[in-house]
PDB file of N, CA and C in Angstrom:
ATOM      1  N   UNK A   1      29.347 -51.407 -29.820  1.00  0.00           N
ATOM      2  CA  UNK A   1      28.437 -50.442 -30.393  1.00  0.00           C
ATOM      3  C   UNK A   1      27.470 -49.864 -29.356  1.00  0.00           C
ATOM      4  N   UNK A   2      26.801 -50.687 -28.512  1.00  0.00           N
ATOM      5  CA  UNK A   2      25.866 -50.135 -27.537  1.00  0.00           C
ATOM      6  C   UNK A   2      26.560 -49.204 -26.534  1.00  0.00           C
ATOM      7  N   UNK A   3      27.785 -49.459 -26.196  1.00  0.00           N
ATOM      8  CA  UNK A   3      28.500 -48.597 -25.256  1.00  0.00           C
ATOM      9  C   UNK A   3      28.704 -47.212 -25.866  1.00  0.00           C
ATOM     10  N   UNK A   4      29.033 -47.162 -27.169  1.00  0.00           N
ATOM     11  CA  UNK A   4      29.215 -45.866 -27.841  1.00  0.00           C
ATOM     12  C   UNK A   4      27.899 -45.092 -27.851  1.00  0.00           C
ATOM     13  N   UNK A   5      26.808 -45.796 -28.072  1.00  0.00           N
ATOM     14  CA  UNK A   5      25.499 -45.144 -28.102  1.00  0.00           C
ATOM     15  C   UNK A   5      25.143 -44.579 -26.732  1.00  0.00           C
ATOM     16  N   UNK A   6      25.419 -45.333 -25.681  1.00  0.00           N
ATOM     17  CA  UNK A   6      25.148 -44.878 -24.315  1.00  0.00           C
ATOM     18  C   UNK A   6      26.007 -43.661 -23.994  1.00  0.00           C
ATOM     19  N   UNK A   7      27.276 -43.704 -24.349  1.00  0.00           N
ATOM     20  CA  UNK A   7      28.170 -42.574 -24.093  1.00  0.00           C
ATOM     21  C   UNK A   7      27.726 -41.337 -24.866  1.00  0.00           C
ATOM     22  N   UNK A   8      27.301 -41.512 -26.110  1.00  0.00           N
ATOM     23  CA  UNK A   8      26.823 -40.395 -26.915  1.00  0.00           C
ATOM     24  C   UNK A   8      25.573 -39.770 -26.289  1.00  0.00           C
ATOM     25  N   UNK A   9      24.670 -40.603 -25.802  1.00  0.00           N
ATOM     26  CA  UNK A   9      23.450 -40.100 -25.156  1.00  0.00           C
ATOM     27  C   UNK A   9      23.788 -39.323 -23.886  1.00  0.00           C
ATOM     28  N   UNK A  10      24.699 -39.864 -23.107  1.00  0.00           N
ATOM     29  CA  UNK A  10      25.106 -39.172 -21.877  1.00  0.00           C
ATOM     30  C   UNK A  10      25.764 -37.834 -22.191  1.00  0.00           C
ATOM     31  N   UNK A  11      26.568 -37.790 -23.216  1.00  0.00           N
ATOM     32  CA  UNK A  11      27.227 -36.556 -23.625  1.00  0.00           C
ATOM     33  C   UNK A  11      26.201 -35.516 -24.066  1.00  0.00           C
ATOM     34  N   UNK A  12      25.210 -35.929 -24.843  1.00  0.00           N
ATOM     35  CA  UNK A  12      24.169 -35.011 -25.308  1.00  0.00           C
ATOM     36  C   UNK A  12      23.307 -34.507 -24.156  1.00  0.00           C
ATOM     37  N   UNK A  13      22.923 -35.380 -23.249  1.00  0.00           N
ATOM     38  CA  UNK A  13      22.110 -34.974 -22.099  1.00  0.00           C
ATOM     39  C   UNK A  13      22.887 -33.988 -21.229  1.00  0.00           C
ATOM     40  N   UNK A  14      24.155 -34.236 -21.014  1.00  0.00           N
ATOM     41  CA  UNK A  14      24.979 -33.328 -20.213  1.00  0.00           C
ATOM     42  C   UNK A  14      25.126 -31.972 -20.871  1.00  0.00           C
ATOM     43  N   UNK A  15      25.287 -31.947 -22.198  1.00  0.00           N
ATOM     44  CA  UNK A  15      25.441 -30.686 -22.916  1.00  0.00           C
ATOM     45  C   UNK A  15      24.146 -29.888 -22.898  1.00  0.00           C
ATOM     46  N   UNK A  16      23.013 -30.526 -23.029  1.00  0.00           N
ATOM     47  CA  UNK A  16      21.727 -29.829 -23.025  1.00  0.00           C
ATOM     48  C   UNK A  16      21.456 -29.183 -21.667  1.00  0.00           C
ATOM     49  N   UNK A  17      21.812 -29.867 -20.626  1.00  0.00           N
ATOM     50  CA  UNK A  17      21.590 -29.318 -19.296  1.00  0.00           C
ATOM     51  C   UNK A  17      22.444 -28.097 -19.023  1.00  0.00           C
ATOM     52  N   UNK A  18      23.631 -28.025 -19.598  1.00  0.00           N
ATOM     53  CA  UNK A  18      24.515 -26.890 -19.326  1.00  0.00           C
ATOM     54  C   UNK A  18      24.163 -25.670 -20.164  1.00  0.00           C
ATOM     55  N   UNK A  19      23.339 -25.828 -21.200  1.00  0.00           N
ATOM     56  CA  UNK A  19      22.953 -24.698 -22.036  1.00  0.00           C
ATOM     57  C   UNK A  19      21.734 -23.957 -21.489  1.00  0.00           C
ATOM     58  N   UNK A  20      21.081 -24.538 -20.530  1.00  0.00           N
ATOM     59  CA  UNK A  20      19.879 -23.932 -19.961  1.00  0.00           C
ATOM     60  C   UNK A  20      20.223 -22.645 -19.210  1.00  0.00           C
ATOM     61  N   UNK A  21      19.425 -21.574 -19.446  1.00  0.00           N
ATOM     62  CA  UNK A  21      19.642 -20.322 -18.725  1.00  0.00           C
ATOM     63  C   UNK A  21      19.083 -20.448 -17.323  1.00  0.00           C
ATOM     64  N   UNK A  22      19.772 -19.864 -16.401  1.00  0.00           N
ATOM     65  CA  UNK A  22      19.333 -19.892 -15.014  1.00  0.00           C
ATOM     66  C   UNK A  22      18.795 -18.507 -14.676  1.00  0.00           C
ATOM     67  N   UNK A  23      17.542 -18.459 -14.211  1.00  0.00           N
ATOM     68  CA  UNK A  23      16.934 -17.186 -13.826  1.00  0.00           C
ATOM     69  C   UNK A  23      17.566 -16.693 -12.533  1.00  0.00           C
ATOM     70  N   UNK A  24      17.794 -15.373 -12.448  1.00  0.00           N
ATOM     71  CA  UNK A  24      18.334 -14.844 -11.193  1.00  0.00           C
ATOM     72  C   UNK A  24      17.277 -14.967 -10.096  1.00  0.00           C
ATOM     73  N   UNK A  25      17.698 -15.037  -8.858  1.00  0.00           N
ATOM     74  CA  UNK A  25      16.723 -15.144  -7.768  1.00  0.00           C
ATOM     75  C   UNK A  25      15.868 -13.874  -7.722  1.00  0.00           C
ATOM     76  N   UNK A  26      14.601 -13.983  -7.327  1.00  0.00           N
ATOM     77  CA  UNK A  26      13.743 -12.797  -7.273  1.00  0.00           C
ATOM     78  C   UNK A  26      14.242 -11.811  -6.231  1.00  0.00           C
ATOM     79  N   UNK A  27      14.101 -10.531  -6.554  1.00  0.00           N
ATOM     80  CA  UNK A  27      14.515  -9.475  -5.636  1.00  0.00           C
ATOM     81  C   UNK A  27      13.396  -9.245  -4.615  1.00  0.00           C
ATOM     82  N   UNK A  28      13.745  -8.982  -3.377  1.00  0.00           N
ATOM     83  CA  UNK A  28      12.701  -8.730  -2.382  1.00  0.00           C
ATOM     84  C   UNK A  28      11.955  -7.435  -2.705  1.00  0.00           C
ATOM     85  N   UNK A  29      10.655  -7.432  -2.459  1.00  0.00           N
ATOM     86  CA  UNK A  29       9.835  -6.258  -2.698  1.00  0.00           C
ATOM     87  C   UNK A  29       9.944  -5.321  -1.498  1.00  0.00           C
ATOM     88  N   UNK A  30      10.075  -4.033  -1.781  1.00  0.00           N
ATOM     89  CA  UNK A  30      10.110  -3.047  -0.708  1.00  0.00           C
ATOM     90  C   UNK A  30       8.688  -2.579  -0.463  1.00  0.00           C
ATOM     91  N   UNK A  31       8.226  -2.703   0.764  1.00  0.00           N
ATOM     92  CA  UNK A  31       6.881  -2.286   1.129  1.00  0.00           C
ATOM     93  C   UNK A  31       6.988  -0.995   1.934  1.00  0.00           C
ATOM     94  N   UNK A  32       6.272   0.008   1.456  1.00  0.00           N
ATOM     95  CA  UNK A  32       6.279   1.293   2.147  1.00  0.00           C
ATOM     96  C   UNK A  32       4.894   1.498   2.736  1.00  0.00           C
ATOM     97  N   UNK A  33       4.838   1.744   4.023  1.00  0.00           N
ATOM     98  CA  UNK A  33       3.563   2.008   4.670  1.00  0.00           C
ATOM     99  C   UNK A  33       3.618   3.377   5.320  1.00  0.00           C
ATOM    100  N   UNK A  34       2.496   4.044   5.331  1.00  0.00           N
ATOM    101  CA  UNK A  34       2.409   5.345   5.985  1.00  0.00           C
ATOM    102  C   UNK A  34       1.734   5.135   7.324  1.00  0.00           C
ATOM    103  N   UNK A  35       2.414   5.477   8.373  1.00  0.00           N
ATOM    104  CA  UNK A  35       1.855   5.378   9.708  1.00  0.00           C
ATOM    105  C   UNK A  35       1.421   6.763  10.164  1.00  0.00           C
ATOM    106  N   UNK A  36       0.295   6.867  10.838  1.00  0.00           N
ATOM    107  CA  UNK A  36      -0.102   8.164  11.371  1.00  0.00           C
ATOM    108  C   UNK A  36       0.955   8.699  12.322  1.00  0.00           C
ATOM    109  N   UNK A  37       1.175   9.999  12.240  1.00  0.00           N
ATOM    110  CA  UNK A  37       2.153  10.632  13.126  1.00  0.00           C
ATOM    111  C   UNK A  37       1.481  10.997  14.441  1.00  0.00           C
ATOM    112  N   UNK A  38       2.193  10.869  15.556  1.00  0.00           N
ATOM    113  CA  UNK A  38       1.604  11.240  16.843  1.00  0.00           C
ATOM    114  C   UNK A  38       1.209  12.708  16.858  1.00  0.00           C
ATOM    115  N   UNK A  39       0.132  13.004  17.568  1.00  0.00           N
ATOM    116  CA  UNK A  39      -0.377  14.370  17.675  1.00  0.00           C
ATOM    117  C   UNK A  39       0.262  15.047  18.869  1.00  0.00           C
ATOM    118  N   UNK A  40       0.769  16.260  18.647  1.00  0.00           N
ATOM    119  CA  UNK A  40       1.403  17.005  19.727  1.00  0.00           C
ATOM    120  C   UNK A  40       0.363  17.628  20.645  1.00  0.00           C
ATOM    121  N   UNK A  41      -0.726  18.140  20.075  1.00  0.00           N
ATOM    122  CA  UNK A  41      -1.747  18.805  20.884  1.00  0.00           C
ATOM    123  C   UNK A  41      -3.087  18.135  20.727  1.00  0.00           C
ATOM    124  N   UNK A  42      -4.121  18.892  21.057  1.00  0.00           N
ATOM    125  CA  UNK A  42      -5.482  18.368  20.973  1.00  0.00           C
ATOM    126  C   UNK A  42      -5.937  18.304  19.518  1.00  0.00           C
ATOM    127  N   UNK A  43      -6.926  17.448  19.273  1.00  0.00           N
ATOM    128  CA  UNK A  43      -7.496  17.326  17.933  1.00  0.00           C
ATOM    129  C   UNK A  43      -8.418  18.511  17.667  1.00  0.00           C
ATOM    130  N   UNK A  44      -8.554  18.905  16.399  1.00  0.00           N
ATOM    131  CA  UNK A  44      -9.449  20.023  16.081  1.00  0.00           C
ATOM    132  C   UNK A  44     -10.911  19.651  16.335  1.00  0.00           C
ATOM    133  N   UNK A  45     -11.753  20.658  16.399  1.00  0.00           N
ATOM    134  CA  UNK A  45     -13.187  20.430  16.603  1.00  0.00           C
ATOM    135  C   UNK A  45     -13.715  19.530  15.494  1.00  0.00           C
ATOM    136  N   UNK A  46     -14.526  18.569  15.846  1.00  0.00           N
ATOM    137  CA  UNK A  46     -15.087  17.649  14.874  1.00  0.00           C
ATOM    138  C   UNK A  46     -14.248  16.407  14.663  1.00  0.00           C
ATOM    139  N   UNK A  47     -13.103  16.334  15.314  1.00  0.00           N
ATOM    140  CA  UNK A  47     -12.219  15.171  15.199  1.00  0.00           C
ATOM    141  C   UNK A  47     -12.105  14.513  16.566  1.00  0.00           C
ATOM    142  N   UNK A  48     -11.692  13.247  16.569  1.00  0.00           N
ATOM    143  CA  UNK A  48     -11.538  12.512  17.822  1.00  0.00           C
ATOM    144  C   UNK A  48     -10.106  11.999  17.949  1.00  0.00           C
ATOM    145  N   UNK A  49      -9.695  11.789  19.185  1.00  0.00           N
ATOM    146  CA  UNK A  49      -8.358  11.261  19.441  1.00  0.00           C
ATOM    147  C   UNK A  49      -8.365   9.775  19.114  1.00  0.00           C
ATOM    148  N   UNK A  50      -7.460   9.382  18.218  1.00  0.00           N
ATOM    149  CA  UNK A  50      -7.367   7.981  17.814  1.00  0.00           C
ATOM    150  C   UNK A  50      -6.229   7.262  18.503  1.00  0.00           C
ATOM    151  N   UNK A  51      -5.789   7.753  19.645  1.00  0.00           N
ATOM    152  CA  UNK A  51      -4.689   7.112  20.357  1.00  0.00           C
ATOM    153  C   UNK A  51      -3.349   7.532  19.788  1.00  0.00           C
ATOM    154  N   UNK A  52      -3.083   8.813  19.736  1.00  0.00           N
ATOM    155  CA  UNK A  52      -1.814   9.320  19.230  1.00  0.00           C
ATOM    156  C   UNK A  52      -1.950  10.015  17.885  1.00  0.00           C
ATOM    157  N   UNK A  53      -3.132   9.990  17.297  1.00  0.00           N
ATOM    158  CA  UNK A  53      -3.398  10.705  16.050  1.00  0.00           C
ATOM    159  C   UNK A  53      -4.870  11.081  16.039  1.00  0.00           C
ATOM    160  N   UNK A  54      -5.236  12.026  15.188  1.00  0.00           N
ATOM    161  CA  UNK A  54      -6.620  12.497  15.130  1.00  0.00           C
ATOM    162  C   UNK A  54      -7.383  11.813  14.003  1.00  0.00           C
ATOM    163  N   UNK A  55      -8.623  11.470  14.303  1.00  0.00           N
ATOM    164  CA  UNK A  55      -9.522  10.859  13.330  1.00  0.00           C
ATOM    165  C   UNK A  55     -10.721  11.764  13.108  1.00  0.00           C
ATOM    166  N   UNK A  56     -11.154  11.837  11.858  1.00  0.00           N
ATOM    167  CA  UNK A  56     -12.393  12.529  11.534  1.00  0.00           C
ATOM    168  C   UNK A  56     -13.402  11.470  11.135  1.00  0.00           C
ATOM    169  N   UNK A  57     -14.571  11.489  11.766  1.00  0.00           N
ATOM    170  CA  UNK A  57     -15.587  10.471  11.519  1.00  0.00           C
ATOM    171  C   UNK A  57     -16.641  11.035  10.561  1.00  0.00           C
ATOM    172  N   UNK A  58     -16.921  10.294   9.494  1.00  0.00           N
ATOM    173  CA  UNK A  58     -17.874  10.735   8.478  1.00  0.00           C
ATOM    174  C   UNK A  58     -19.308  10.589   8.958  1.00  0.00           C
ATOM    175  N   UNK A  59     -20.142  11.506   8.468  1.00  0.00           N
ATOM    176  CA  UNK A  59     -21.578  11.446   8.707  1.00  0.00           C
ATOM    177  C   UNK A  59     -22.256  11.067   7.399  1.00  0.00           C
ATOM    178  N   UNK A  60     -23.530  10.734   7.459  1.00  0.00           N
ATOM    179  CA  UNK A  60     -24.263  10.341   6.262  1.00  0.00           C
ATOM    180  C   UNK A  60     -24.213  11.452   5.222  1.00  0.00           C
ATOM    181  N   UNK A  61     -23.873  11.076   3.978  1.00  0.00           N
ATOM    182  CA  UNK A  61     -23.822  12.029   2.873  1.00  0.00           C
ATOM    183  C   UNK A  61     -22.490  12.734   2.709  1.00  0.00           C
ATOM    184  N   UNK A  62     -21.536  12.474   3.585  1.00  0.00           N
ATOM    185  CA  UNK A  62     -20.232  13.140   3.507  1.00  0.00           C
ATOM    186  C   UNK A  62     -19.415  12.671   2.314  1.00  0.00           C
ATOM    187  N   UNK A  63     -18.634  13.590   1.785  1.00  0.00           N
ATOM    188  CA  UNK A  63     -17.539  13.278   0.869  1.00  0.00           C
ATOM    189  C   UNK A  63     -16.269  13.591   1.635  1.00  0.00           C
ATOM    190  N   UNK A  64     -15.140  13.224   1.072  1.00  0.00           N
ATOM    191  CA  UNK A  64     -13.870  13.564   1.725  1.00  0.00           C
ATOM    192  C   UNK A  64     -13.777  15.085   1.872  1.00  0.00           C
ATOM    193  N   UNK A  65     -14.189  15.821   0.839  1.00  0.00           N
ATOM    194  CA  UNK A  65     -14.102  17.281   0.863  1.00  0.00           C
ATOM    195  C   UNK A  65     -14.992  17.886   1.947  1.00  0.00           C
ATOM    196  N   UNK A  66     -16.229  17.403   2.093  1.00  0.00           N
ATOM    197  CA  UNK A  66     -17.119  17.977   3.109  1.00  0.00           C
ATOM    198  C   UNK A  66     -16.626  17.657   4.517  1.00  0.00           C
ATOM    199  N   UNK A  67     -16.088  16.471   4.709  1.00  0.00           N
ATOM    200  CA  UNK A  67     -15.515  16.107   6.012  1.00  0.00           C
ATOM    201  C   UNK A  67     -14.301  16.971   6.316  1.00  0.00           C
ATOM    202  N   UNK A  68     -13.465  17.196   5.321  1.00  0.00           N
ATOM    203  CA  UNK A  68     -12.274  18.027   5.513  1.00  0.00           C
ATOM    204  C   UNK A  68     -12.652  19.447   5.917  1.00  0.00           C
ATOM    205  N   UNK A  69     -13.646  20.018   5.245  1.00  0.00           N
ATOM    206  CA  UNK A  69     -14.080  21.384   5.584  1.00  0.00           C
ATOM    207  C   UNK A  69     -14.628  21.447   7.007  1.00  0.00           C
ATOM    208  N   UNK A  70     -15.334  20.406   7.442  1.00  0.00           N
ATOM    209  CA  UNK A  70     -15.910  20.395   8.782  1.00  0.00           C
ATOM    210  C   UNK A  70     -14.834  20.405   9.869  1.00  0.00           C
ATOM    211  N   UNK A  71     -13.698  19.741   9.606  1.00  0.00           N
ATOM    212  CA  UNK A  71     -12.638  19.683  10.626  1.00  0.00           C
ATOM    213  C   UNK A  71     -11.511  20.682  10.358  1.00  0.00           C
ATOM    214  N   UNK A  72     -11.669  21.515   9.306  1.00  0.00           N
ATOM    215  CA  UNK A  72     -10.695  22.579   9.063  1.00  0.00           C
ATOM    216  C   UNK A  72      -9.402  22.123   8.416  1.00  0.00           C
ATOM    217  N   UNK A  73      -9.489  21.138   7.532  1.00  0.00           N
ATOM    218  CA  UNK A  73      -8.314  20.616   6.840  1.00  0.00           C
ATOM    219  C   UNK A  73      -8.536  20.800   5.342  1.00  0.00           C
ATOM    220  N   UNK A  74      -7.472  21.027   4.597  1.00  0.00           N
ATOM    221  CA  UNK A  74      -7.591  21.147   3.144  1.00  0.00           C
ATOM    222  C   UNK A  74      -8.077  19.811   2.566  1.00  0.00           C
ATOM    223  N   UNK A  75      -9.135  19.845   1.751  1.00  0.00           N
ATOM    224  CA  UNK A  75      -9.660  18.593   1.187  1.00  0.00           C
ATOM    225  C   UNK A  75      -8.609  17.767   0.441  1.00  0.00           C
ATOM    226  N   UNK A  76      -7.740  18.418  -0.318  1.00  0.00           N
ATOM    227  CA  UNK A  76      -6.712  17.674  -1.060  1.00  0.00           C
ATOM    228  C   UNK A  76      -5.728  16.990  -0.115  1.00  0.00           C
ATOM    229  N   UNK A  77      -5.419  17.648   1.021  1.00  0.00           N
ATOM    230  CA  UNK A  77      -4.498  17.051   2.000  1.00  0.00           C
ATOM    231  C   UNK A  77      -5.117  15.822   2.663  1.00  0.00           C
ATOM    232  N   UNK A  78      -6.379  15.957   3.092  1.00  0.00           N
ATOM    233  CA  UNK A  78      -7.049  14.829   3.742  1.00  0.00           C
ATOM    234  C   UNK A  78      -7.194  13.662   2.770  1.00  0.00           C
ATOM    235  N   UNK A  79      -7.549  13.972   1.538  1.00  0.00           N
ATOM    236  CA  UNK A  79      -7.730  12.926   0.529  1.00  0.00           C
ATOM    237  C   UNK A  79      -6.429  12.191   0.248  1.00  0.00           C
ATOM    238  N   UNK A  80      -5.366  12.920  -0.044  1.00  0.00           N
ATOM    239  CA  UNK A  80      -4.106  12.263  -0.402  1.00  0.00           C
ATOM    240  C   UNK A  80      -3.507  11.507   0.780  1.00  0.00           C
ATOM    241  N   UNK A  81      -3.663  12.032   1.991  1.00  0.00           N
ATOM    242  CA  UNK A  81      -3.115  11.374   3.183  1.00  0.00           C
ATOM    243  C   UNK A  81      -3.772  10.012   3.416  1.00  0.00           C
ATOM    244  N   UNK A  82      -5.038   9.890   2.986  1.00  0.00           N
ATOM    245  CA  UNK A  82      -5.785   8.647   3.183  1.00  0.00           C
ATOM    246  C   UNK A  82      -5.931   7.828   1.908  1.00  0.00           C
ATOM    247  N   UNK A  83      -5.239   8.233   0.840  1.00  0.00           N
ATOM    248  CA  UNK A  83      -5.265   7.477  -0.405  1.00  0.00           C
ATOM    249  C   UNK A  83      -6.601   7.546  -1.126  1.00  0.00           C
ATOM    250  N   UNK A  84      -7.274   8.672  -1.014  1.00  0.00           N
ATOM    251  CA  UNK A  84      -8.588   8.855  -1.618  1.00  0.00           C
ATOM    252  C   UNK A  84      -8.592  10.081  -2.509  1.00  0.00           C
ATOM    253  N   UNK A  85      -9.705  10.307  -3.193  1.00  0.00           N
ATOM    254  CA  UNK A  85      -9.923  11.538  -3.944  1.00  0.00           C
ATOM    255  C   UNK A  85     -10.855  12.415  -3.118  1.00  0.00           C
ATOM    256  N   UNK A  86     -10.714  13.732  -3.246  1.00  0.00           N
ATOM    257  CA  UNK A  86     -11.542  14.658  -2.468  1.00  0.00           C
ATOM    258  C   UNK A  86     -13.023  14.460  -2.748  1.00  0.00           C
ATOM    259  N   UNK A  87     -13.371  14.001  -3.935  1.00  0.00           N
ATOM    260  CA  UNK A  87     -14.777  13.824  -4.303  1.00  0.00           C
ATOM    261  C   UNK A  87     -15.341  12.462  -3.880  1.00  0.00           C
ATOM    262  N   UNK A  88     -14.515  11.592  -3.305  1.00  0.00           N
ATOM    263  CA  UNK A  88     -14.990  10.259  -2.914  1.00  0.00           C
ATOM    264  C   UNK A  88     -16.088  10.352  -1.864  1.00  0.00           C
ATOM    265  N   UNK A  89     -17.129   9.550  -2.059  1.00  0.00           N
ATOM    266  CA  UNK A  89     -18.250   9.468  -1.124  1.00  0.00           C
ATOM    267  C   UNK A  89     -17.838   8.581   0.047  1.00  0.00           C
ATOM    268  N   UNK A  90     -18.187   8.981   1.254  1.00  0.00           N
ATOM    269  CA  UNK A  90     -17.886   8.204   2.455  1.00  0.00           C
ATOM    270  C   UNK A  90     -19.177   7.625   3.023  1.00  0.00           C
ATOM    271  N   UNK A  91     -19.021   6.558   3.790  1.00  0.00           N
ATOM    272  CA  UNK A  91     -20.168   5.984   4.502  1.00  0.00           C
ATOM    273  C   UNK A  91     -20.184   6.543   5.919  1.00  0.00           C
ATOM    274  N   UNK A  92     -21.357   6.640   6.478  1.00  0.00           N
ATOM    275  CA  UNK A  92     -21.503   7.111   7.852  1.00  0.00           C
ATOM    276  C   UNK A  92     -20.670   6.220   8.767  1.00  0.00           C
ATOM    277  N   UNK A  93     -19.816   6.843   9.575  1.00  0.00           N
ATOM    278  CA  UNK A  93     -18.961   6.107  10.495  1.00  0.00           C
ATOM    279  C   UNK A  93     -17.563   5.846   9.989  1.00  0.00           C
ATOM    280  N   UNK A  94     -17.319   6.068   8.679  1.00  0.00           N
ATOM    281  CA  UNK A  94     -15.942   5.933   8.152  1.00  0.00           C
ATOM    282  C   UNK A  94     -15.038   6.905   8.902  1.00  0.00           C
ATOM    283  N   UNK A  95     -13.821   6.475   9.201  1.00  0.00           N
ATOM    284  CA  UNK A  95     -12.865   7.333   9.907  1.00  0.00           C
ATOM    285  C   UNK A  95     -11.637   7.566   9.024  1.00  0.00           C
ATOM    286  N   UNK A  96     -11.259   8.819   8.895  1.00  0.00           N
ATOM    287  CA  UNK A  96     -10.066   9.191   8.147  1.00  0.00           C
ATOM    288  C   UNK A  96      -9.060   9.808   9.109  1.00  0.00           C
ATOM    289  N   UNK A  97      -7.790   9.484   8.880  1.00  0.00           N
ATOM    290  CA  UNK A  97      -6.717  10.043   9.693  1.00  0.00           C
ATOM    291  C   UNK A  97      -6.410  11.443   9.197  1.00  0.00           C
ATOM    292  N   UNK A  98      -6.320  12.394  10.114  1.00  0.00           N
ATOM    293  CA  UNK A  98      -6.004  13.765   9.740  1.00  0.00           C
ATOM    294  C   UNK A  98      -4.505  13.915   9.520  1.00  0.00           C
ATOM    295  N   UNK A  99      -4.107  14.616   8.449  1.00  0.00           N
ATOM    296  CA  UNK A  99      -2.675  14.837   8.220  1.00  0.00           C
ATOM    297  C   UNK A  99      -2.107  15.769   9.281  1.00  0.00           C
ATOM    298  N   UNK A 100      -0.852  15.553   9.624  1.00  0.00           N
ATOM    299  CA  UNK A 100      -0.198  16.375  10.651  1.00  0.00           C
ATOM    300  C   UNK A 100       0.603  17.492  10.024  1.00  0.00           C
TER     301      UNK A 100
END
C-alpha cells in the first residue's frame, strides 16, 4: 500500500510540473540615441564650437525660443532636437545642441 501511495504522489507531482506555462525569454530593448552631427562650417553668431557640433549657451531669463532667435534657428527645431518645448525656461549656462 505505501508503495502505491508514493508512486501516485510522484505521478501527480510530475504531471503538475509539466502543466506549468513557460514564459518566453524577454526581448532585448532597442535603444535609440541621437548624436550631434559634425558641423561642416563655422557656428552661427551666438553659438560656440562644441567639438564637432555647435552649442548655444543660455543666458539668464532665456527660454528655448529666445535662445533660438538669438542664434538664428527656428524655435521648434531647436526645441525638438534637444527634447524640449519651445516655451521651456532655461538656466543661465545651459547648453543646447544646434540642429544641423
